[in-house]
Amino acid sequence: MPELPEVEALKDFLADHLTGREIVRVLPVAISVLKTYDPPLTALQGRTVTAVARHGKFLDIDADGLHLVTHLARAGWLQWKDRLPDGPPKPGKGPLALRVALATGEGFDLTEAGTTKKLAVYVVHDPGDVPGIARLGPDPLADTFDEKTFAALLDGERRQIKGVLRDQKVIAGVGNAYSDEALHAAKMSPFKLAATLTPDDVHTLYEALRTTLTEAVERSRGVAAGRLKAEKKSGLRVHGRTGEPCPVCGDIIREVSFSDSSLQYCPTCQTGGKPLADRRMSRLLK
């Protein structure tokens, strides 16, 4: 899933390639991706892109005051085309969900792999009209996101810190991968209750979160849209690396599986050498 650093890089890429250019066609291929109907997609045609913004994991393309907002979800992606194929795309079972064509002949496709379709597209006058954006917590890379703000968000949270970091209503833009990375950098168990963090814990995690995200943004900056997935994976130290040695201590990275996701961690760095219970495996063994 694209998270804050990748969406930030996509925002910069699109700002360079879209700003000042006219949208001539917006062609839906999978109608399920469209979550709003008024204004219609056709209202974007003939408008010039004036800005591109990011709200958490949402991309926001401003075309003369009308906003094309996209959430790529788990399996969605944006593919830039220096030259779009001639003729309209054909509806079918492929990954293509929506195509945006510019007057220059360039454009981009929104695609989604797999059978679970959660890619979402909205056309709105105000990005705040998108429910997911309206519910977003603060952006962790904003200048106003200081340690005091972070501590207040965690205060009284009786949930595990991993879940709190991923909750978009608490902090915008952090997902499964970068929560794993930040917790590893902070040497903190993903199962630790947020409310039990000491001031020193909060300070350590705040610094780890900001540093992890800032470094990931810098690695992604200037990378073409088509190479961002590979760039993300190459920069991860624990997430998605089950069975590999920890780059810090050499212990084997372990995994906890859930019904629709998994987390990775280093026992030596994060849990005092103790493996965390994999609840899915425990149920299978009963």
Protein backbone atom coordinates (compact mmCIF):
# COMPACT_ATOMS: atom_id res chain seq x y z
CA MET A 1 0.00 0.00 0.00
CA PRO A 2 1.35 3.46 -0.83
CA GLU A 3 1.89 5.41 2.40
CA LEU A 4 2.84 9.00 3.18
CA PRO A 5 6.34 8.96 1.57
CA GLU A 6 5.19 7.36 -1.70
CA VAL A 7 2.09 9.55 -1.97
CA GLU A 8 4.25 12.61 -1.25
CA ALA A 9 6.57 11.56 -4.08
CA LEU A 10 3.60 10.97 -6.39
CA LYS A 11 2.31 14.43 -5.47
CA ASP A 12 5.63 16.02 -6.44
CA PHE A 13 5.83 13.97 -9.64
CA LEU A 14 2.31 14.93 -10.69
CA ALA A 15 2.84 18.58 -9.78
CA ASP A 16 5.76 18.65 -12.23
CA HIS A 17 3.88 16.79 -14.97
CA LEU A 18 0.33 18.13 -14.61
CA THR A 19 0.45 21.75 -13.45
CA GLY A 20 -0.55 24.13 -16.21
CA ARG A 21 -1.83 21.37 -18.49
CA GLU A 22 -5.37 20.86 -19.70
CA ILE A 23 -7.38 17.74 -18.96
CA VAL A 24 -9.19 16.66 -22.12
CA ARG A 25 -10.69 13.33 -21.02
CA VAL A 26 -11.33 11.38 -17.82
CA LEU A 27 -12.37 7.86 -18.73
CA PRO A 28 -13.70 5.48 -16.06
CA VAL A 29 -13.04 1.83 -16.83
CA ALA A 30 -14.13 0.28 -13.53
CA ILE A 31 -17.22 2.18 -12.40
CA SER A 32 -16.78 0.86 -8.85
CA VAL A 33 -13.84 3.23 -8.24
CA LEU A 34 -16.01 6.32 -8.58
CA LYS A 35 -17.44 7.31 -5.19
CA THR A 36 -19.11 10.60 -6.20
CA TYR A 37 -21.38 11.46 -9.11
CA ASP A 38 -22.03 15.19 -8.75
CA PRO A 39 -20.04 16.92 -10.15
CA PRO A 40 -19.53 14.28 -12.86
CA LEU A 41 -16.12 13.23 -14.15
CA THR A 42 -16.85 15.08 -17.38
CA ALA A 43 -16.80 18.36 -15.44
CA LEU A 44 -13.01 18.04 -15.25
CA GLN A 45 -12.65 18.07 -19.03
CA GLY A 46 -11.36 21.36 -20.40
CA ARG A 47 -10.00 22.47 -17.03
CA THR A 48 -6.35 23.23 -16.34
CA VAL A 49 -4.50 21.65 -13.43
CA THR A 50 -3.44 24.39 -11.02
CA ALA A 51 -2.02 22.38 -8.10
CA VAL A 52 -1.48 18.90 -6.66
CA ALA A 53 -1.69 18.23 -2.93
CA ARG A 54 -1.54 15.34 -0.47
CA HIS A 55 -3.88 14.71 2.46
CA GLY A 56 -2.58 11.71 4.40
CA LYS A 57 -2.63 8.94 1.77
CA PHE A 58 -5.02 10.85 -0.52
CA LEU A 59 -3.84 12.54 -3.75
CA ASP A 60 -5.63 15.76 -4.66
CA ILE A 61 -5.45 17.17 -8.20
CA ASP A 62 -6.90 20.69 -8.35
CA ALA A 63 -8.25 21.57 -11.79
CA ASP A 64 -9.43 25.18 -11.72
CA GLY A 65 -11.14 24.68 -8.36
CA LEU A 66 -12.57 21.22 -9.02
CA HIS A 67 -10.70 18.45 -7.25
CA LEU A 68 -9.98 14.93 -8.50
CA VAL A 69 -9.15 13.07 -5.28
CA THR A 70 -7.75 9.55 -5.24
CA HIS A 71 -7.02 6.99 -2.55
CA LEU A 72 -4.93 4.14 -3.96
CA ALA A 73 -5.87 1.73 -1.14
CA ARG A 74 -3.89 -1.50 -0.76
CA ALA A 75 -3.39 -2.59 -4.36
CA GLY A 76 -3.89 0.58 -6.37
CA TRP A 77 -1.24 2.48 -8.28
CA LEU A 78 -0.73 5.40 -10.65
CA GLN A 79 1.05 4.75 -13.94
CA TRP A 80 2.28 7.75 -15.90
CA LYS A 81 2.22 7.57 -19.70
CA ASP A 82 4.32 9.91 -21.84
CA ARG A 83 2.00 8.90 -24.66
CA LEU A 84 -1.40 7.38 -23.97
CA PRO A 85 -2.65 4.61 -26.27
CA ASP A 86 -4.90 5.70 -29.11
CA GLY A 87 -8.60 5.08 -28.62
CA PRO A 88 -10.58 4.64 -25.41
CA PRO A 89 -9.66 1.82 -23.02
CA LYS A 90 -11.83 -1.26 -23.14
CA PRO A 91 -13.69 -2.29 -19.97
CA GLY A 92 -12.76 -5.74 -18.79
CA LYS A 93 -11.22 -7.76 -16.00
CA GLY A 94 -7.79 -6.14 -16.19
CA PRO A 95 -6.27 -3.81 -13.57
CA LEU A 96 -7.07 -0.54 -15.37
CA ALA A 97 -9.65 1.48 -13.40
CA LEU A 98 -9.50 5.06 -14.71
CA ARG A 99 -7.57 7.06 -17.33
CA VAL A 100 -6.82 10.79 -17.34
CA ALA A 101 -5.71 12.26 -20.68
CA LEU A 102 -4.04 15.63 -21.19
CA ALA A 103 -4.12 17.89 -24.23
CA THR A 104 -0.41 17.12 -24.73
CA GLY A 105 -1.13 13.42 -25.35
CA GLU A 106 0.31 12.49 -21.97
CA GLY A 107 -1.68 11.24 -19.01
CA PHE A 108 -1.95 8.61 -16.36
CA ASP A 109 -3.81 5.42 -15.54
CA LEU A 110 -5.10 4.38 -12.14
CA THR A 111 -4.79 0.62 -11.79
CA GLU A 112 -5.69 -1.90 -9.10
CA ALA A 113 -4.41 -5.45 -8.83
CA GLY A 114 -6.25 -8.37 -7.23
CA THR A 115 -9.91 -9.09 -6.71
CA THR A 116 -10.56 -6.89 -3.67
CA LYS A 117 -11.38 -3.51 -5.18
CA LYS A 118 -10.94 -0.56 -2.82
CA LEU A 119 -9.36 2.06 -5.06
CA ALA A 120 -11.45 5.22 -4.66
CA VAL A 121 -11.90 8.31 -6.84
CA TYR A 122 -13.87 11.43 -5.89
CA VAL A 123 -14.73 14.64 -7.77
CA VAL A 124 -15.48 17.41 -5.29
CA HIS A 125 -15.39 21.18 -4.94
CA ASP A 126 -13.68 20.89 -1.55
CA PRO A 127 -11.34 18.04 -0.51
CA GLY A 128 -12.88 18.25 2.94
CA ASP A 129 -16.07 16.83 1.42
CA VAL A 130 -14.30 13.45 1.08
CA PRO A 131 -15.20 11.54 4.28
CA GLY A 132 -11.76 9.96 4.63
CA ILE A 133 -10.06 13.36 4.44
CA ALA A 134 -12.51 14.96 6.85
CA ARG A 135 -11.63 12.32 9.47
CA LEU A 136 -7.85 12.56 9.13
CA GLY A 137 -5.66 13.23 12.12
CA PRO A 138 -2.66 15.57 11.89
CA ASP A 139 0.11 15.03 9.37
CA PRO A 140 3.22 13.72 11.16
CA LEU A 141 5.56 15.78 8.97
CA ALA A 142 3.71 19.06 9.43
CA ASP A 143 5.61 21.82 11.23
CA THR A 144 2.83 21.91 13.82
CA PHE A 145 3.22 18.21 14.66
CA ASP A 146 5.52 18.58 17.66
CA GLU A 147 6.26 16.16 20.48
CA LYS A 148 3.59 17.71 22.69
CA THR A 149 0.96 17.10 20.00
CA PHE A 150 2.13 13.50 19.62
CA ALA A 151 1.99 12.89 23.37
CA ALA A 152 -1.56 14.25 23.52
CA LEU A 153 -2.67 11.87 20.77
CA LEU A 154 -1.32 8.88 22.71
CA ASP A 155 -2.61 9.97 26.11
CA GLY A 156 -5.29 7.56 27.36
CA GLU A 157 -5.01 5.24 24.34
CA ARG A 158 -5.49 1.69 25.65
CA ARG A 159 -4.69 0.16 22.27
CA GLN A 160 -1.43 -1.37 21.13
CA ILE A 161 0.91 1.27 19.75
CA LYS A 162 1.09 -0.43 16.34
CA GLY A 163 -2.65 0.04 15.86
CA VAL A 164 -2.58 3.62 17.07
CA LEU A 165 0.14 4.60 14.60
CA ARG A 166 -1.87 3.09 11.73
CA ASP A 167 -5.15 4.77 12.70
CA GLN A 168 -5.71 7.54 10.15
CA LYS A 169 -8.01 9.38 12.56
CA VAL A 170 -5.08 9.69 14.96
CA ILE A 171 -2.15 10.28 12.58
CA ALA A 172 -2.53 10.76 8.82
CA GLY A 173 -0.50 8.81 6.30
CA VAL A 174 1.24 6.08 8.33
CA GLY A 175 0.40 2.52 7.35
CA ASN A 176 1.60 -0.99 8.02
CA ALA A 177 5.11 -0.62 6.63
CA TYR A 178 6.24 2.63 8.20
CA SER A 179 4.68 1.85 11.57
CA ASP A 180 6.84 -1.31 11.60
CA GLU A 181 9.88 0.73 10.60
CA ALA A 182 9.32 3.46 13.20
CA LEU A 183 8.77 0.94 16.01
CA HIS A 184 11.93 -0.90 15.04
CA ALA A 185 13.90 2.36 15.02
CA ALA A 186 12.46 3.19 18.46
CA LYS A 187 13.28 -0.34 19.74
CA MET A 188 9.67 -0.69 20.88
CA SER A 189 7.30 -3.65 20.85
CA PRO A 190 4.34 -3.22 18.49
CA PHE A 191 2.14 -4.73 21.22
CA LYS A 192 3.03 -2.12 23.85
CA LEU A 193 -0.03 -0.20 25.03
CA ALA A 194 0.13 3.42 23.94
CA ALA A 195 -1.13 4.69 27.29
CA THR A 196 1.78 3.03 29.11
CA LEU A 197 4.48 4.95 27.24
CA THR A 198 6.69 7.03 29.49
CA PRO A 199 7.76 10.55 28.48
CA ASP A 200 11.09 9.07 27.39
CA ASP A 201 9.24 6.45 25.31
CA VAL A 202 7.14 9.15 23.66
CA HIS A 203 10.24 11.19 22.86
CA THR A 204 12.03 8.19 21.36
CA LEU A 205 9.06 7.14 19.25
CA TYR A 206 8.35 10.70 18.10
CA GLU A 207 11.93 11.08 16.90
CA ALA A 208 11.88 7.63 15.27
CA LEU A 209 8.60 8.31 13.46
CA ARG A 210 9.65 11.69 12.11
CA THR A 211 13.10 10.45 11.09
CA THR A 212 11.74 7.30 9.42
CA LEU A 213 9.20 9.24 7.38
CA THR A 214 11.56 12.11 6.52
CA GLU A 215 14.25 9.71 5.28
CA ALA A 216 11.71 7.75 3.24
CA VAL A 217 10.42 10.96 1.64
CA GLU A 218 13.98 12.00 0.77
CA ARG A 219 14.71 8.58 -0.77
CA SER A 220 11.53 8.81 -2.86
CA ARG A 221 11.98 12.41 -3.95
CA GLY A 222 12.56 12.67 -7.67
CA VAL A 223 11.92 8.97 -8.29
CA ALA A 224 9.64 8.34 -11.26
CA ALA A 225 6.18 7.02 -10.43
CA GLY A 226 6.91 3.63 -11.98
CA ARG A 227 9.91 3.02 -9.70
CA LEU A 228 8.45 4.12 -6.37
CA LYS A 229 7.32 0.65 -5.30
CA ALA A 230 10.80 -0.77 -5.72
CA GLU A 231 12.32 2.24 -3.95
CA LYS A 232 10.01 1.76 -0.99
CA LYS A 233 10.87 -1.91 -0.61
CA SER A 234 14.63 -1.31 -0.89
CA GLY A 235 14.54 1.18 1.99
CA LEU A 236 12.62 -0.97 4.48
CA ARG A 237 14.67 -2.56 7.26
CA VAL A 238 12.16 -4.95 8.85
CA HIS A 239 8.79 -4.70 7.13
CA GLY A 240 8.35 -7.46 4.56
CA ARG A 241 11.66 -9.05 5.56
CA THR A 242 10.52 -12.04 7.63
CA GLY A 243 13.32 -14.56 8.02
CA GLU A 244 16.09 -12.13 7.11
CA PRO A 245 18.72 -10.88 9.58
CA CYS A 246 18.02 -7.63 11.40
CA PRO A 247 20.35 -4.95 9.96
CA VAL A 248 21.00 -3.66 13.48
CA CYS A 249 21.66 -6.76 15.60
CA GLY A 250 21.61 -9.74 13.22
CA ASP A 251 18.69 -11.54 14.91
CA ILE A 252 16.09 -13.09 12.61
CA ILE A 253 13.16 -10.83 11.77
CA ARG A 254 9.87 -12.39 12.84
CA GLU A 255 6.26 -11.95 11.79
CA VAL A 256 2.85 -11.80 13.42
CA SER A 257 0.02 -12.59 11.01
CA PHE A 258 -3.53 -11.27 11.14
CA SER A 259 -6.53 -12.01 8.94
CA ASP A 260 -5.69 -9.37 6.34
CA SER A 261 -2.17 -8.18 7.16
CA SER A 262 1.01 -8.94 9.07
CA LEU A 263 3.65 -7.07 11.03
CA GLN A 264 7.38 -7.65 11.22
CA TYR A 265 9.74 -6.96 14.11
CA CYS A 266 13.10 -7.89 15.60
CA PRO A 267 12.88 -9.75 18.94
CA THR A 268 16.31 -8.62 20.13
CA CYS A 269 15.79 -4.96 19.27
CA GLN A 270 12.14 -4.66 20.28
CA THR A 271 10.83 -7.33 22.65
CA GLY A 272 13.75 -8.31 24.89
CA GLY A 273 14.44 -11.36 22.77
CA LYS A 274 10.97 -12.83 23.25
CA PRO A 275 8.92 -13.79 20.16
CA LEU A 276 5.44 -12.30 20.05
CA ALA A 277 2.47 -14.66 19.86
CA ASP A 278 1.28 -15.18 16.30
CA ARG A 279 -2.43 -15.41 17.00
CA ARG A 280 -3.39 -16.77 13.60
CA MET A 281 -0.92 -19.64 13.92
CA SER A 282 -2.09 -20.27 17.49
CA ARG A 283 -5.66 -20.74 16.27
CA LEU A 284 -4.54 -23.16 13.57
CA LEU A 285 -2.71 -25.30 16.12
CA LYS A 286 -5.74 -25.65 18.41
